[in-house]
Amino acid sequence: MSTITLYTKNNCPQCMMTKKFLADKDVVFNEINIDTEPQYIDALKAQGFRSVPVITTEDAQVTIVGFRPDQLRTLAV
């Protein structure tokens, strides 16, 4: 699996649940918090995303928006 990037923001329940889910499944990911790194907001908007969490892989094979345990399980292989 390629590198996983998780875009989050502060005080986001879905972001916290997603991080916990991935950590519990021992999935390694890079977190980018758009509250502390706002330069990523425009890039996410340009790709059509309007909310977080957003999970992407560097090979663009996987994109998940929101807390979606059914889809997150595919990353825990």
PDB file of N, CA and C in Angstrom:
ATOM      1  N   MET A   1       0.857  -1.181   0.000  1.00  0.00           N
ATOM      2  CA  MET A   1       0.000   0.000   0.000  1.00  0.00           C
ATOM      3  C   MET A   1       0.890   1.228   0.000  1.00  0.00           C
ATOM      4  N   SER A   2       0.472   2.224  -0.731  1.00  0.00           N
ATOM      5  CA  SER A   2       1.245   3.462  -0.777  1.00  0.00           C
ATOM      6  C   SER A   2       0.972   4.307   0.465  1.00  0.00           C
ATOM      7  N   THR A   3       1.672   5.414   0.560  1.00  0.00           N
ATOM      8  CA  THR A   3       1.557   6.292   1.713  1.00  0.00           C
ATOM      9  C   THR A   3       0.134   6.827   1.842  1.00  0.00           C
ATOM     10  N   ILE A   4      -0.383   6.805   3.069  1.00  0.00           N
ATOM     11  CA  ILE A   4      -1.735   7.274   3.352  1.00  0.00           C
ATOM     12  C   ILE A   4      -1.641   8.646   4.002  1.00  0.00           C
ATOM     13  N   THR A   5      -2.425   9.592   3.497  1.00  0.00           N
ATOM     14  CA  THR A   5      -2.489  10.924   4.073  1.00  0.00           C
ATOM     15  C   THR A   5      -3.906  11.148   4.588  1.00  0.00           C
ATOM     16  N   LEU A   6      -3.996  11.630   5.822  1.00  0.00           N
ATOM     17  CA  LEU A   6      -5.274  11.914   6.461  1.00  0.00           C
ATOM     18  C   LEU A   6      -5.342  13.407   6.746  1.00  0.00           C
ATOM     19  N   TYR A   7      -6.294  14.087   6.116  1.00  0.00           N
ATOM     20  CA  TYR A   7      -6.510  15.513   6.351  1.00  0.00           C
ATOM     21  C   TYR A   7      -7.565  15.648   7.442  1.00  0.00           C
ATOM     22  N   THR A   8      -7.252  16.428   8.477  1.00  0.00           N
ATOM     23  CA  THR A   8      -8.137  16.590   9.624  1.00  0.00           C
ATOM     24  C   THR A   8      -8.214  18.062  10.009  1.00  0.00           C
ATOM     25  N   LYS A   9      -9.049  18.340  11.023  1.00  0.00           N
ATOM     26  CA  LYS A   9      -9.058  19.662  11.644  1.00  0.00           C
ATOM     27  C   LYS A   9      -9.358  19.481  13.122  1.00  0.00           C
ATOM     28  N   ASN A  10      -9.097  20.507  13.900  1.00  0.00           N
ATOM     29  CA  ASN A  10      -9.323  20.447  15.337  1.00  0.00           C
ATOM     30  C   ASN A  10     -10.813  20.298  15.650  1.00  0.00           C
ATOM     31  N   ASN A  11     -11.105  19.652  16.763  1.00  0.00           N
ATOM     32  CA  ASN A  11     -12.480  19.512  17.261  1.00  0.00           C
ATOM     33  C   ASN A  11     -13.429  18.866  16.262  1.00  0.00           C
ATOM     34  N   CYS A  12     -12.938  17.931  15.491  1.00  0.00           N
ATOM     35  CA  CYS A  12     -13.735  17.229  14.488  1.00  0.00           C
ATOM     36  C   CYS A  12     -13.953  15.791  14.967  1.00  0.00           C
ATOM     37  N   PRO A  13     -15.166  15.452  15.405  1.00  0.00           N
ATOM     38  CA  PRO A  13     -15.425  14.095  15.909  1.00  0.00           C
ATOM     39  C   PRO A  13     -15.137  13.004  14.878  1.00  0.00           C
ATOM     40  N   GLN A  14     -15.513  13.235  13.622  1.00  0.00           N
ATOM     41  CA  GLN A  14     -15.248  12.226  12.590  1.00  0.00           C
ATOM     42  C   GLN A  14     -13.751  12.042  12.370  1.00  0.00           C
ATOM     43  N   CYS A  15     -12.986  13.134  12.471  1.00  0.00           N
ATOM     44  CA  CYS A  15     -11.528  13.044  12.327  1.00  0.00           C
ATOM     45  C   CYS A  15     -10.939  12.210  13.462  1.00  0.00           C
ATOM     46  N   MET A  16     -11.412  12.466  14.683  1.00  0.00           N
ATOM     47  CA  MET A  16     -10.907  11.712  15.841  1.00  0.00           C
ATOM     48  C   MET A  16     -11.244  10.223  15.725  1.00  0.00           C
ATOM     49  N   MET A  17     -12.459   9.921  15.279  1.00  0.00           N
ATOM     50  CA  MET A  17     -12.852   8.514  15.128  1.00  0.00           C
ATOM     51  C   MET A  17     -12.037   7.833  14.034  1.00  0.00           C
ATOM     52  N   THR A  18     -11.765   8.559  12.962  1.00  0.00           N
ATOM     53  CA  THR A  18     -10.966   7.997  11.869  1.00  0.00           C
ATOM     54  C   THR A  18      -9.541   7.710  12.332  1.00  0.00           C
ATOM     55  N   LYS A  19      -8.928   8.667  13.041  1.00  0.00           N
ATOM     56  CA  LYS A  19      -7.565   8.459  13.551  1.00  0.00           C
ATOM     57  C   LYS A  19      -7.516   7.268  14.504  1.00  0.00           C
ATOM     58  N   LYS A  20      -8.498   7.165  15.389  1.00  0.00           N
ATOM     59  CA  LYS A  20      -8.538   6.052  16.331  1.00  0.00           C
ATOM     60  C   LYS A  20      -8.708   4.724  15.598  1.00  0.00           C
ATOM     61  N   PHE A  21      -9.593   4.688  14.624  1.00  0.00           N
ATOM     62  CA  PHE A  21      -9.818   3.470  13.854  1.00  0.00           C
ATOM     63  C   PHE A  21      -8.521   3.014  13.187  1.00  0.00           C
ATOM     64  N   LEU A  22      -7.839   3.935  12.506  1.00  0.00           N
ATOM     65  CA  LEU A  22      -6.596   3.584  11.810  1.00  0.00           C
ATOM     66  C   LEU A  22      -5.513   3.156  12.793  1.00  0.00           C
ATOM     67  N   ALA A  23      -5.397   3.857  13.912  1.00  0.00           N
ATOM     68  CA  ALA A  23      -4.394   3.497  14.921  1.00  0.00           C
ATOM     69  C   ALA A  23      -4.691   2.122  15.513  1.00  0.00           C
ATOM     70  N   ASP A  24      -5.955   1.840  15.790  1.00  0.00           N
ATOM     71  CA  ASP A  24      -6.332   0.532  16.341  1.00  0.00           C
ATOM     72  C   ASP A  24      -6.012  -0.605  15.378  1.00  0.00           C
ATOM     73  N   LYS A  25      -6.044  -0.308  14.073  1.00  0.00           N
ATOM     74  CA  LYS A  25      -5.749  -1.322  13.045  1.00  0.00           C
ATOM     75  C   LYS A  25      -4.283  -1.299  12.625  1.00  0.00           C
ATOM     76  N   ASP A  26      -3.458  -0.503  13.341  1.00  0.00           N
ATOM     77  CA  ASP A  26      -2.024  -0.384  13.041  1.00  0.00           C
ATOM     78  C   ASP A  26      -1.741   0.094  11.615  1.00  0.00           C
ATOM     79  N   VAL A  27      -2.590   0.974  11.117  1.00  0.00           N
ATOM     80  CA  VAL A  27      -2.382   1.565   9.797  1.00  0.00           C
ATOM     81  C   VAL A  27      -1.548   2.834   9.976  1.00  0.00           C
ATOM     82  N   VAL A  28      -0.425   2.891   9.286  1.00  0.00           N
ATOM     83  CA  VAL A  28       0.459   4.053   9.365  1.00  0.00           C
ATOM     84  C   VAL A  28      -0.054   5.116   8.397  1.00  0.00           C
ATOM     85  N   PHE A  29      -0.143   6.355   8.885  1.00  0.00           N
ATOM     86  CA  PHE A  29      -0.637   7.443   8.042  1.00  0.00           C
ATOM     87  C   PHE A  29       0.043   8.747   8.425  1.00  0.00           C
ATOM     88  N   ASN A  30       0.066   9.677   7.480  1.00  0.00           N
ATOM     89  CA  ASN A  30       0.559  11.031   7.720  1.00  0.00           C
ATOM     90  C   ASN A  30      -0.660  11.915   7.926  1.00  0.00           C
ATOM     91  N   GLU A  31      -0.687  12.628   9.038  1.00  0.00           N
ATOM     92  CA  GLU A  31      -1.805  13.520   9.316  1.00  0.00           C
ATOM     93  C   GLU A  31      -1.444  14.949   8.948  1.00  0.00           C
ATOM     94  N   ILE A  32      -2.361  15.601   8.246  1.00  0.00           N
ATOM     95  CA  ILE A  32      -2.231  17.022   7.949  1.00  0.00           C
ATOM     96  C   ILE A  32      -3.465  17.701   8.536  1.00  0.00           C
ATOM     97  N   ASN A  33      -3.220  18.527   9.538  1.00  0.00           N
ATOM     98  CA  ASN A  33      -4.297  19.256  10.199  1.00  0.00           C
ATOM     99  C   ASN A  33      -4.449  20.602   9.495  1.00  0.00           C
ATOM    100  N   ILE A  34      -5.608  20.818   8.858  1.00  0.00           N
ATOM    101  CA  ILE A  34      -5.785  22.033   8.069  1.00  0.00           C
ATOM    102  C   ILE A  34      -5.963  23.282   8.937  1.00  0.00           C
ATOM    103  N   ASP A  35      -6.184  23.099  10.236  1.00  0.00           N
ATOM    104  CA  ASP A  35      -6.216  24.267  11.127  1.00  0.00           C
ATOM    105  C   ASP A  35      -4.807  24.801  11.364  1.00  0.00           C
ATOM    106  N   THR A  36      -3.834  23.908  11.445  1.00  0.00           N
ATOM    107  CA  THR A  36      -2.458  24.335  11.674  1.00  0.00           C
ATOM    108  C   THR A  36      -1.669  24.478  10.371  1.00  0.00           C
ATOM    109  N   GLU A  37      -2.189  23.884   9.287  1.00  0.00           N
ATOM    110  CA  GLU A  37      -1.539  23.986   7.980  1.00  0.00           C
ATOM    111  C   GLU A  37      -2.585  24.389   6.934  1.00  0.00           C
ATOM    112  N   PRO A  38      -3.063  25.627   7.007  1.00  0.00           N
ATOM    113  CA  PRO A  38      -4.163  26.054   6.133  1.00  0.00           C
ATOM    114  C   PRO A  38      -3.810  26.112   4.643  1.00  0.00           C
ATOM    115  N   GLN A  39      -2.548  25.996   4.312  1.00  0.00           N
ATOM    116  CA  GLN A  39      -2.163  26.015   2.899  1.00  0.00           C
ATOM    117  C   GLN A  39      -2.756  24.827   2.128  1.00  0.00           C
ATOM    118  N   TYR A  40      -3.203  23.796   2.835  1.00  0.00           N
ATOM    119  CA  TYR A  40      -3.783  22.621   2.178  1.00  0.00           C
ATOM    120  C   TYR A  40      -5.274  22.792   1.886  1.00  0.00           C
ATOM    121  N   ILE A  41      -5.917  23.791   2.455  1.00  0.00           N
ATOM    122  CA  ILE A  41      -7.360  23.968   2.282  1.00  0.00           C
ATOM    123  C   ILE A  41      -7.720  24.192   0.819  1.00  0.00           C
ATOM    124  N   ASP A  42      -7.010  25.077   0.143  1.00  0.00           N
ATOM    125  CA  ASP A  42      -7.323  25.362  -1.261  1.00  0.00           C
ATOM    126  C   ASP A  42      -7.126  24.133  -2.145  1.00  0.00           C
ATOM    127  N   ALA A  43      -6.097  23.358  -1.857  1.00  0.00           N
ATOM    128  CA  ALA A  43      -5.857  22.146  -2.642  1.00  0.00           C
ATOM    129  C   ALA A  43      -7.004  21.145  -2.462  1.00  0.00           C
ATOM    130  N   LEU A  44      -7.487  21.002  -1.233  1.00  0.00           N
ATOM    131  CA  LEU A  44      -8.620  20.103  -0.990  1.00  0.00           C
ATOM    132  C   LEU A  44      -9.875  20.607  -1.693  1.00  0.00           C
ATOM    133  N   LYS A  45     -10.123  21.918  -1.612  1.00  0.00           N
ATOM    134  CA  LYS A  45     -11.288  22.497  -2.281  1.00  0.00           C
ATOM    135  C   LYS A  45     -11.206  22.312  -3.796  1.00  0.00           C
ATOM    136  N   ALA A  46      -9.998  22.475  -4.346  1.00  0.00           N
ATOM    137  CA  ALA A  46      -9.804  22.322  -5.790  1.00  0.00           C
ATOM    138  C   ALA A  46     -10.122  20.904  -6.246  1.00  0.00           C
ATOM    139  N   GLN A  47      -9.950  19.944  -5.343  1.00  0.00           N
ATOM    140  CA  GLN A  47     -10.258  18.549  -5.674  1.00  0.00           C
ATOM    141  C   GLN A  47     -11.725  18.212  -5.401  1.00  0.00           C
ATOM    142  N   GLY A  48     -12.482  19.214  -4.937  1.00  0.00           N
ATOM    143  CA  GLY A  48     -13.906  19.011  -4.720  1.00  0.00           C
ATOM    144  C   GLY A  48     -14.303  18.627  -3.308  1.00  0.00           C
ATOM    145  N   PHE A  49     -13.354  18.608  -2.389  1.00  0.00           N
ATOM    146  CA  PHE A  49     -13.651  18.238  -1.006  1.00  0.00           C
ATOM    147  C   PHE A  49     -14.112  19.468  -0.235  1.00  0.00           C
ATOM    148  N   ARG A  50     -15.172  19.292   0.541  1.00  0.00           N
ATOM    149  CA  ARG A  50     -15.716  20.407   1.320  1.00  0.00           C
ATOM    150  C   ARG A  50     -15.728  20.111   2.808  1.00  0.00           C
ATOM    151  N   SER A  51     -15.300  18.910   3.191  1.00  0.00           N
ATOM    152  CA  SER A  51     -15.287  18.539   4.601  1.00  0.00           C
ATOM    153  C   SER A  51     -14.134  17.579   4.857  1.00  0.00           C
ATOM    154  N   VAL A  52     -13.815  17.413   6.119  1.00  0.00           N
ATOM    155  CA  VAL A  52     -12.798  16.459   6.533  1.00  0.00           C
ATOM    156  C   VAL A  52     -13.456  15.485   7.500  1.00  0.00           C
ATOM    157  N   PRO A  53     -12.921  14.350   7.713  1.00  0.00           N
ATOM    158  CA  PRO A  53     -11.622  13.882   7.250  1.00  0.00           C
ATOM    159  C   PRO A  53     -11.645  13.455   5.778  1.00  0.00           C
ATOM    160  N   VAL A  54     -10.489  13.614   5.154  1.00  0.00           N
ATOM    161  CA  VAL A  54     -10.257  13.127   3.802  1.00  0.00           C
ATOM    162  C   VAL A  54      -9.015  12.248   3.874  1.00  0.00           C
ATOM    163  N   ILE A  55      -9.136  11.042   3.348  1.00  0.00           N
ATOM    164  CA  ILE A  55      -8.008  10.116   3.303  1.00  0.00           C
ATOM    165  C   ILE A  55      -7.664   9.870   1.843  1.00  0.00           C
ATOM    166  N   THR A  56      -6.398  10.026   1.512  1.00  0.00           N
ATOM    167  CA  THR A  56      -5.943   9.743   0.156  1.00  0.00           C
ATOM    168  C   THR A  56      -4.672   8.897   0.226  1.00  0.00           C
ATOM    169  N   THR A  57      -4.408   8.202  -0.857  1.00  0.00           N
ATOM    170  CA  THR A  57      -3.135   7.492  -0.995  1.00  0.00           C
ATOM    171  C   THR A  57      -2.345   8.188  -2.086  1.00  0.00           C
ATOM    172  N   GLU A  58      -1.036   8.108  -1.990  1.00  0.00           N
ATOM    173  CA  GLU A  58      -0.205   8.839  -2.950  1.00  0.00           C
ATOM    174  C   GLU A  58      -0.399   8.361  -4.382  1.00  0.00           C
ATOM    175  N   ASP A  59      -0.812   7.120  -4.560  1.00  0.00           N
ATOM    176  CA  ASP A  59      -1.056   6.610  -5.904  1.00  0.00           C
ATOM    177  C   ASP A  59      -2.477   6.909  -6.375  1.00  0.00           C
ATOM    178  N   ALA A  60      -3.259   7.620  -5.544  1.00  0.00           N
ATOM    179  CA  ALA A  60      -4.631   8.035  -5.861  1.00  0.00           C
ATOM    180  C   ALA A  60      -5.572   6.854  -6.100  1.00  0.00           C
ATOM    181  N   GLN A  61      -5.212   5.696  -5.603  1.00  0.00           N
ATOM    182  CA  GLN A  61      -6.074   4.525  -5.745  1.00  0.00           C
ATOM    183  C   GLN A  61      -7.227   4.548  -4.748  1.00  0.00           C
ATOM    184  N   VAL A  62      -7.035   5.243  -3.629  1.00  0.00           N
ATOM    185  CA  VAL A  62      -8.046   5.275  -2.580  1.00  0.00           C
ATOM    186  C   VAL A  62      -8.296   6.713  -2.154  1.00  0.00           C
ATOM    187  N   THR A  63      -9.567   7.082  -2.085  1.00  0.00           N
ATOM    188  CA  THR A  63      -9.979   8.364  -1.510  1.00  0.00           C
ATOM    189  C   THR A  63     -11.223   8.092  -0.685  1.00  0.00           C
ATOM    190  N   ILE A  64     -11.173   8.478   0.579  1.00  0.00           N
ATOM    191  CA  ILE A  64     -12.297   8.273   1.486  1.00  0.00           C
ATOM    192  C   ILE A  64     -12.599   9.606   2.152  1.00  0.00           C
ATOM    193  N   VAL A  65     -13.868   9.979   2.155  1.00  0.00           N
ATOM    194  CA  VAL A  65     -14.287  11.225   2.792  1.00  0.00           C
ATOM    195  C   VAL A  65     -15.226  10.872   3.941  1.00  0.00           C
ATOM    196  N   GLY A  66     -14.937  11.412   5.122  1.00  0.00           N
ATOM    197  CA  GLY A  66     -15.759  11.135   6.288  1.00  0.00           C
ATOM    198  C   GLY A  66     -15.283   9.896   7.022  1.00  0.00           C
ATOM    199  N   PHE A  67     -15.954   9.604   8.129  1.00  0.00           N
ATOM    200  CA  PHE A  67     -15.639   8.397   8.901  1.00  0.00           C
ATOM    201  C   PHE A  67     -16.433   7.252   8.310  1.00  0.00           C
ATOM    202  N   ARG A  68     -15.754   6.405   7.551  1.00  0.00           N
ATOM    203  CA  ARG A  68     -16.387   5.303   6.831  1.00  0.00           C
ATOM    204  C   ARG A  68     -15.685   3.990   7.176  1.00  0.00           C
ATOM    205  N   PRO A  69     -16.037   3.380   8.316  1.00  0.00           N
ATOM    206  CA  PRO A  69     -15.360   2.151   8.740  1.00  0.00           C
ATOM    207  C   PRO A  69     -15.359   1.064   7.669  1.00  0.00           C
ATOM    208  N   ASP A  70     -16.443   0.970   6.907  1.00  0.00           N
ATOM    209  CA  ASP A  70     -16.511  -0.040   5.859  1.00  0.00           C
ATOM    210  C   ASP A  70     -15.401   0.151   4.825  1.00  0.00           C
ATOM    211  N   GLN A  71     -15.129   1.399   4.455  1.00  0.00           N
ATOM    212  CA  GLN A  71     -14.070   1.679   3.501  1.00  0.00           C
ATOM    213  C   GLN A  71     -12.689   1.705   4.146  1.00  0.00           C
ATOM    214  N   LEU A  72     -12.621   2.149   5.396  1.00  0.00           N
ATOM    215  CA  LEU A  72     -11.334   2.200   6.101  1.00  0.00           C
ATOM    216  C   LEU A  72     -10.749   0.812   6.294  1.00  0.00           C
ATOM    217  N   ARG A  73     -11.603  -0.182   6.419  1.00  0.00           N
ATOM    218  CA  ARG A  73     -11.111  -1.567   6.592  1.00  0.00           C
ATOM    219  C   ARG A  73     -10.235  -2.008   5.419  1.00  0.00           C
ATOM    220  N   THR A  74     -10.473  -1.461   4.240  1.00  0.00           N
ATOM    221  CA  THR A  74      -9.664  -1.848   3.079  1.00  0.00           C
ATOM    222  C   THR A  74      -8.213  -1.391   3.235  1.00  0.00           C
ATOM    223  N   LEU A  75      -7.983  -0.381   4.069  1.00  0.00           N
ATOM    224  CA  LEU A  75      -6.615   0.106   4.297  1.00  0.00           C
ATOM    225  C   LEU A  75      -5.867  -0.752   5.304  1.00  0.00           C
ATOM    226  N   ALA A  76      -6.597  -1.512   6.102  1.00  0.00           N
ATOM    227  CA  ALA A  76      -6.011  -2.321   7.165  1.00  0.00           C
ATOM    228  C   ALA A  76      -5.705  -3.728   6.680  1.00  0.00           C
ATOM    229  N   VAL A  77      -5.008  -3.816   5.580  1.00  0.00           N
ATOM    230  CA  VAL A  77      -4.694  -5.140   5.016  1.00  0.00           C
ATOM    231  C   VAL A  77      -3.255  -5.495   5.302  1.00  0.00           C
TER     232      VAL A  77
END
